[in-house]
């Protein structure tokens, strides 16, 4: 009885300790932000990436998102509403920061390039776009289901995306570049937007699939304490997977259709079995199969969780693997 009586007090102490350290970390992040934006630079043609305001904004937003991912994971242990609110707040701030950075970079391209354009033309830029959209879609799901523990499984993927951005910068692939003729089209804007909304939704579904399998395994072992108390019921997790794919599939299908129209405009052919086109079709069929099994066969549970996870694996290869390892008509979008 005495041990049980101490648990709420221990939980309160842990939360207070977290709040104290979180305040220190927030002050550190604030000082980092001041140092990042302390210098003001005049934009000139061919300017280095690290002097662009958009790059500084992106870096600062990524710090917030990385902190958010860590706090979401910590919230599974602390199991306090305050901790989870910190995680959500950091995610919202980071997401807003990335979208602001995208618009600022859009403006900057007109200053440092001969012909400005929407910053979605190389792998660094679209990775920023993917990160922002994934966080936005996740936060919508979080709001709908009123459960923040899902973020502990979604935000680590965002953290990986942040790492990819930094790697691309270190490798010299982050600077704004002139568009090749095929990219100078309004088809690009609609196609890329739809494409990455689909990618973001599939990322949320994949992370939810991992959470489902962990919860199911803990239940099978008879666990009733620990992180399982923070996780939603299996039925809710299953519904999050389904809704994310139900959002992502039609939008991604629209992206494939728009891509075919763009291909005809740019190359005179709707479909060329280019590696990117082929893998986009594979991804589309995988998620079409998921919805078919869910809606017509009434499949649910662990096998659908595995489907969502494997589907996101194919999505990642379509997004990154094709650009990095395969050559084709889309090769110009690989890196610089």
Protein backbone atom coordinates (compact mmCIF):
# COMPACT_ATOMS: atom_id res chain seq x y z
CA UNK A 1 0.00 0.00 0.00
CA UNK A 2 2.81 2.42 0.89
CA UNK A 3 4.49 1.83 -2.48
CA UNK A 4 1.25 2.53 -4.29
CA UNK A 5 0.73 5.67 -2.25
CA UNK A 6 4.14 6.96 -3.28
CA UNK A 7 3.61 6.49 -7.01
CA UNK A 8 1.62 9.72 -7.68
CA UNK A 9 4.21 11.72 -5.67
CA UNK A 10 7.07 10.09 -7.58
CA UNK A 11 5.32 10.84 -10.86
CA UNK A 12 4.85 14.46 -9.80
CA UNK A 13 8.51 14.77 -8.85
CA UNK A 14 9.57 13.30 -12.21
CA UNK A 15 7.34 15.78 -14.03
CA UNK A 16 8.72 18.72 -12.03
CA UNK A 17 12.28 17.55 -12.75
CA UNK A 18 11.46 17.29 -16.45
CA UNK A 19 9.91 20.76 -16.48
CA UNK A 20 13.04 22.21 -14.87
CA UNK A 21 15.39 20.62 -17.39
CA UNK A 22 13.03 21.44 -20.26
CA UNK A 23 13.17 25.10 -19.23
CA UNK A 24 16.97 25.00 -19.32
CA UNK A 25 16.90 23.36 -22.75
CA UNK A 26 14.44 25.96 -24.04
CA UNK A 27 16.77 28.74 -22.90
CA UNK A 28 19.67 27.03 -24.68
CA UNK A 29 17.58 26.69 -27.87
CA UNK A 30 16.69 30.38 -27.56
CA UNK A 31 20.34 31.42 -27.31
CA UNK A 32 21.18 29.20 -30.28
CA UNK A 33 18.42 30.94 -32.24
CA UNK A 34 19.81 34.37 -31.37
CA UNK A 35 23.28 33.36 -32.53
CA UNK A 36 21.90 31.93 -35.78
CA UNK A 37 20.02 35.10 -36.70
CA UNK A 38 22.47 37.61 -35.24
CA UNK A 39 24.19 38.31 -38.55
CA UNK A 40 22.32 40.02 -41.33
CA UNK A 41 23.51 39.30 -44.89
CA UNK A 42 22.78 41.09 -48.13
CA UNK A 43 21.69 38.65 -50.83
CA UNK A 44 23.93 38.46 -53.87
CA UNK A 45 24.01 36.11 -56.88
CA UNK A 46 25.80 32.84 -56.16
CA UNK A 47 25.74 33.45 -52.41
CA UNK A 48 26.89 30.59 -50.17
CA UNK A 49 24.18 28.46 -48.59
CA UNK A 50 25.20 29.07 -44.99
CA UNK A 51 24.60 32.82 -45.35
CA UNK A 52 21.00 32.44 -46.54
CA UNK A 53 18.27 33.24 -44.01
CA UNK A 54 16.23 30.22 -45.17
CA UNK A 55 19.12 27.91 -44.30
CA UNK A 56 19.31 29.40 -40.81
CA UNK A 57 15.55 29.09 -40.37
CA UNK A 58 15.65 25.48 -41.51
CA UNK A 59 18.49 24.66 -39.13
CA UNK A 60 16.68 26.23 -36.19
CA UNK A 61 13.39 24.51 -37.06
CA UNK A 62 15.25 21.20 -37.27
CA UNK A 63 16.64 21.75 -33.76
CA UNK A 64 13.06 22.20 -32.51
CA UNK A 65 11.89 19.07 -34.33
CA UNK A 66 14.80 17.01 -33.01
CA UNK A 67 14.00 18.19 -29.48
CA UNK A 68 10.33 17.36 -30.08
CA UNK A 69 11.18 13.80 -31.14
CA UNK A 70 13.23 13.26 -27.98
CA UNK A 71 10.52 14.71 -25.74
CA UNK A 72 7.83 12.56 -27.39
CA UNK A 73 9.93 9.49 -26.59
CA UNK A 74 10.50 10.77 -23.03
CA UNK A 75 6.74 11.24 -22.60
CA UNK A 76 6.28 7.46 -22.79
CA UNK A 77 8.34 7.16 -19.60
CA UNK A 78 7.10 10.22 -17.71
CA UNK A 79 3.48 9.60 -18.78
CA UNK A 80 2.51 13.14 -17.89
CA UNK A 81 0.34 15.50 -19.88
CA UNK A 82 2.79 18.34 -19.35
CA UNK A 83 5.64 16.43 -21.03
CA UNK A 84 3.45 15.51 -23.99
CA UNK A 85 2.33 19.15 -24.37
CA UNK A 86 5.96 20.24 -24.55
CA UNK A 87 6.54 17.70 -27.31
CA UNK A 88 3.53 18.93 -29.30
CA UNK A 89 4.50 22.56 -28.82
CA UNK A 90 8.02 21.95 -30.12
CA UNK A 91 6.60 20.01 -33.10
CA UNK A 92 4.22 22.85 -33.98
CA UNK A 93 7.01 25.44 -33.70
CA UNK A 94 9.37 23.34 -35.82
CA UNK A 95 6.73 22.72 -38.48
CA UNK A 96 5.88 26.42 -38.74
CA UNK A 97 9.60 27.20 -38.92
CA UNK A 98 10.10 24.85 -41.86
CA UNK A 99 7.16 26.25 -43.81
CA UNK A 100 8.44 29.79 -43.19
CA UNK A 101 11.90 28.67 -44.34
CA UNK A 102 10.41 27.27 -47.56
CA UNK A 103 8.72 30.59 -48.36
CA UNK A 104 11.85 32.56 -47.47
CA UNK A 105 13.97 30.30 -49.68
CA UNK A 106 11.44 30.87 -52.48
CA UNK A 107 12.06 34.62 -52.17
CA UNK A 108 15.81 34.12 -51.95
CA UNK A 109 15.99 32.14 -55.20
CA UNK A 110 14.94 35.31 -57.02
CA UNK A 111 17.90 37.11 -55.43
CA UNK A 112 20.69 34.53 -55.89
CA UNK A 113 19.66 32.84 -59.16
CA UNK A 114 19.05 34.18 -62.63
CA UNK A 115 15.51 32.80 -62.51
CA UNK A 116 13.75 32.20 -59.17
CA UNK A 117 11.45 29.26 -58.53
CA UNK A 118 9.54 27.35 -55.86
CA UNK A 119 12.19 25.50 -53.77
CA UNK A 120 11.17 21.92 -54.57
CA UNK A 121 13.69 21.14 -57.29
CA UNK A 122 16.42 19.12 -55.54
CA UNK A 123 16.62 16.42 -52.88
CA UNK A 124 17.52 18.83 -50.07
CA UNK A 125 14.53 21.05 -50.78
CA UNK A 126 11.98 18.24 -51.13
CA UNK A 127 13.30 16.61 -47.95
CA UNK A 128 12.47 19.82 -46.09
CA UNK A 129 9.04 19.75 -47.71
CA UNK A 130 8.55 16.08 -46.75
CA UNK A 131 9.55 16.80 -43.15
CA UNK A 132 7.14 19.73 -42.80
CA UNK A 133 4.21 17.85 -44.36
CA UNK A 134 4.81 14.71 -42.29
CA UNK A 135 4.75 16.74 -39.07
CA UNK A 136 1.62 18.61 -40.24
CA UNK A 137 -0.26 15.39 -41.05
CA UNK A 138 0.82 13.82 -37.77
CA UNK A 139 -0.35 16.86 -35.77
CA UNK A 140 -3.74 16.68 -37.49
CA UNK A 141 -4.02 13.02 -36.43
CA UNK A 142 -2.89 13.91 -32.93
CA UNK A 143 -5.63 16.53 -32.72
CA UNK A 144 -8.28 14.16 -34.07
CA UNK A 145 -7.47 11.32 -31.66
CA UNK A 146 -6.38 13.45 -28.68
CA UNK A 147 -3.42 11.17 -28.01
CA UNK A 148 0.15 12.41 -28.12
CA UNK A 149 1.92 9.08 -27.58
CA UNK A 150 1.67 8.38 -31.32
CA UNK A 151 4.34 11.05 -31.78
CA UNK A 152 6.94 8.81 -30.12
CA UNK A 153 6.72 6.57 -33.20
CA UNK A 154 6.24 9.22 -35.90
CA UNK A 155 8.74 11.89 -34.87
CA UNK A 156 11.82 9.60 -34.92
CA UNK A 157 11.21 9.32 -38.69
CA UNK A 158 11.16 13.12 -38.79
CA UNK A 159 14.45 13.06 -36.89
CA UNK A 160 15.90 10.78 -39.60
CA UNK A 161 14.68 13.25 -42.22
CA UNK A 162 16.41 16.08 -40.36
CA UNK A 163 19.63 14.06 -40.36
CA UNK A 164 19.28 13.52 -44.13
CA UNK A 165 18.94 17.27 -44.65
CA UNK A 166 22.13 17.94 -42.72
CA UNK A 167 23.97 15.19 -44.59
CA UNK A 168 22.94 16.68 -47.93
CA UNK A 169 24.23 20.07 -46.82
CA UNK A 170 27.56 18.59 -45.72
CA UNK A 171 27.87 16.84 -49.08
CA UNK A 172 27.26 20.12 -50.89
CA UNK A 173 23.80 19.35 -52.26
CA UNK A 174 21.83 22.05 -50.46
CA UNK A 175 22.45 25.21 -52.46
CA UNK A 176 19.71 26.65 -54.70
CA UNK A 177 20.24 25.73 -58.34
CA UNK A 178 18.93 26.75 -61.73
CA UNK A 179 16.07 24.66 -63.10
CA UNK A 180 16.54 22.37 -66.08
CA UNK A 181 13.96 23.08 -68.83
CA UNK A 182 11.75 20.09 -67.91
CA UNK A 183 11.20 21.50 -64.41
CA UNK A 184 10.06 24.92 -65.60
CA UNK A 185 6.39 24.06 -65.44
CA UNK A 186 3.40 24.58 -63.18
CA UNK A 187 2.89 20.82 -63.43
CA UNK A 188 5.83 20.50 -61.02
CA UNK A 189 4.11 22.46 -58.25
CA UNK A 190 0.91 20.39 -58.18
CA UNK A 191 2.68 17.08 -58.78
CA UNK A 192 5.26 17.55 -56.02
CA UNK A 193 2.69 18.88 -53.51
CA UNK A 194 0.37 15.88 -54.03
CA UNK A 195 3.31 13.49 -54.04
CA UNK A 196 4.65 14.61 -50.69
CA UNK A 197 1.27 14.79 -48.99
CA UNK A 198 1.03 11.10 -49.91
CA UNK A 199 4.55 10.41 -48.62
CA UNK A 200 3.79 12.19 -45.33
CA UNK A 201 0.55 10.25 -44.81
CA UNK A 202 2.30 6.95 -45.54
CA UNK A 203 5.01 7.86 -42.99
CA UNK A 204 2.33 8.38 -40.32
CA UNK A 205 0.77 5.02 -41.24
CA UNK A 206 4.15 3.26 -41.06
CA UNK A 207 4.96 4.70 -37.64
CA UNK A 208 1.49 3.73 -36.41
CA UNK A 209 2.11 0.19 -37.66
CA UNK A 210 5.25 -0.04 -35.50
CA UNK A 211 3.28 1.23 -32.50
CA UNK A 212 0.54 -1.35 -33.13
CA UNK A 213 3.00 -4.25 -33.14
CA UNK A 214 4.70 -3.04 -29.94
CA UNK A 215 1.36 -2.62 -28.14
CA UNK A 216 0.15 -6.02 -29.35
CA UNK A 217 3.38 -7.69 -28.16
CA UNK A 218 3.17 -6.05 -24.74
CA UNK A 219 -0.45 -7.16 -24.37
CA UNK A 220 0.49 -10.70 -25.36
CA UNK A 221 3.10 -10.72 -22.58
CA UNK A 222 0.46 -9.52 -20.11
CA UNK A 223 2.13 -6.16 -19.48
CA UNK A 224 -0.09 -3.63 -17.75
CA UNK A 225 2.50 -1.13 -16.51
CA UNK A 226 5.11 1.02 -18.21
CA UNK A 227 4.80 2.48 -21.70
CA UNK A 228 1.72 0.42 -22.54
CA UNK A 229 -0.28 2.78 -20.33
CA UNK A 230 0.67 5.67 -22.62
CA UNK A 231 -0.26 3.93 -25.87
CA UNK A 232 -3.74 4.07 -27.44
CA UNK A 233 -5.87 0.95 -27.67
CA UNK A 234 -5.10 -1.37 -30.59
CA UNK A 235 -8.40 -0.47 -32.27
CA UNK A 236 -7.47 3.23 -32.25
CA UNK A 237 -3.99 2.58 -33.63
CA UNK A 238 -5.49 0.42 -36.37
CA UNK A 239 -7.88 3.25 -37.24
CA UNK A 240 -5.00 5.78 -37.40
CA UNK A 241 -3.19 3.51 -39.90
CA UNK A 242 -6.30 3.19 -42.03
CA UNK A 243 -7.15 6.90 -42.00
CA UNK A 244 -3.61 7.94 -42.86
CA UNK A 245 -3.55 5.62 -45.88
CA UNK A 246 -7.12 6.60 -46.82
CA UNK A 247 -5.85 10.19 -47.00
CA UNK A 248 -2.52 9.41 -48.65
CA UNK A 249 -3.62 6.96 -51.34
CA UNK A 250 -6.00 9.17 -53.36
CA UNK A 251 -3.65 12.16 -53.11
CA UNK A 252 -0.67 10.05 -54.17
CA UNK A 253 -2.73 8.60 -57.04
CA UNK A 254 -3.50 12.16 -58.11
CA UNK A 255 0.25 12.86 -58.02
CA UNK A 256 0.88 9.94 -60.39
CA UNK A 257 -1.80 11.22 -62.77
CA UNK A 258 -0.38 14.75 -62.63
CA UNK A 259 3.08 13.30 -63.20
CA UNK A 260 1.83 11.57 -66.35
CA UNK A 261 0.44 14.87 -67.61
CA UNK A 262 3.72 16.60 -66.82
CA UNK A 263 5.65 13.85 -68.61
CA UNK A 264 3.58 14.38 -71.75
CA UNK A 265 4.19 18.13 -71.55
CA UNK A 266 7.95 17.70 -70.99
CA UNK A 267 8.82 14.58 -73.00
CA UNK A 268 5.86 13.95 -75.30
CA UNK A 269 4.86 10.68 -73.62
CA UNK A 270 2.51 10.00 -70.70
CA UNK A 271 4.45 6.96 -69.47
CA UNK A 272 8.00 5.78 -70.18
CA UNK A 273 8.54 3.12 -67.48
CA UNK A 274 11.21 5.34 -65.98
CA UNK A 275 12.40 3.95 -62.57
CA UNK A 276 10.58 6.74 -60.71
CA UNK A 277 7.36 6.11 -62.62
CA UNK A 278 7.63 2.36 -62.10
CA UNK A 279 8.23 2.62 -58.36
CA UNK A 280 5.44 5.19 -57.98
CA UNK A 281 3.11 2.67 -59.60
CA UNK A 282 4.36 -0.06 -57.24
CA UNK A 283 3.70 2.14 -54.20
CA UNK A 284 0.25 3.04 -55.50
CA UNK A 285 -0.64 -0.65 -56.00
CA UNK A 286 0.64 -1.57 -52.52
CA UNK A 287 -1.68 0.91 -50.84
CA UNK A 288 -4.54 0.08 -53.18
CA UNK A 289 -4.12 -3.50 -51.97
CA UNK A 290 -4.17 -2.30 -48.35
CA UNK A 291 -7.47 -0.49 -48.83
CA UNK A 292 -8.93 -3.43 -50.75
CA UNK A 293 -8.03 -5.83 -47.94
CA UNK A 294 -9.34 -3.44 -45.29
CA UNK A 295 -12.62 -2.43 -46.92
CA UNK A 296 -13.63 -5.56 -48.85
CA UNK A 297 -11.93 -8.34 -46.89
CA UNK A 298 -12.31 -6.70 -43.44
CA UNK A 299 -8.65 -7.32 -42.63
CA UNK A 300 -7.26 -5.53 -39.59
CA UNK A 301 -4.71 -5.96 -36.86
CA UNK A 302 -1.10 -7.10 -37.04
CA UNK A 303 -1.05 -8.12 -40.69
CA UNK A 304 -2.26 -4.66 -41.70
CA UNK A 305 0.36 -3.11 -39.42
CA UNK A 306 3.05 -5.09 -41.23
CA UNK A 307 1.51 -4.01 -44.54
CA UNK A 308 1.71 -0.34 -43.52
CA UNK A 309 5.34 -0.73 -42.39
CA UNK A 310 6.46 -2.56 -45.53
CA UNK A 311 4.48 -0.13 -47.68
CA UNK A 312 6.37 2.77 -46.15
CA UNK A 313 9.63 0.92 -46.84
CA UNK A 314 8.71 0.83 -50.54
CA UNK A 315 7.68 4.49 -50.29
CA UNK A 316 11.10 5.41 -48.91
CA UNK A 317 12.82 3.65 -51.79
CA UNK A 318 10.56 5.47 -54.25
CA UNK A 319 11.41 8.78 -52.59
CA UNK A 320 15.13 8.31 -51.90
CA UNK A 321 16.42 5.05 -53.36
CA UNK A 322 15.37 5.76 -56.93
CA UNK A 323 16.97 9.21 -56.85
CA UNK A 324 20.19 8.02 -55.24
CA UNK A 325 20.76 4.62 -56.85
CA UNK A 326 18.87 4.44 -60.15
CA UNK A 327 19.24 6.54 -63.28
CA UNK A 328 16.44 7.72 -65.52
CA UNK A 329 14.46 10.70 -66.66
CA UNK A 330 14.10 11.87 -63.05
CA UNK A 331 17.84 11.80 -62.34
CA UNK A 332 18.08 15.59 -62.43
CA UNK A 333 16.06 15.71 -59.23
CA UNK A 334 18.49 13.52 -57.33
CA UNK A 335 20.70 15.99 -55.58
CA UNK A 336 22.03 19.37 -56.59
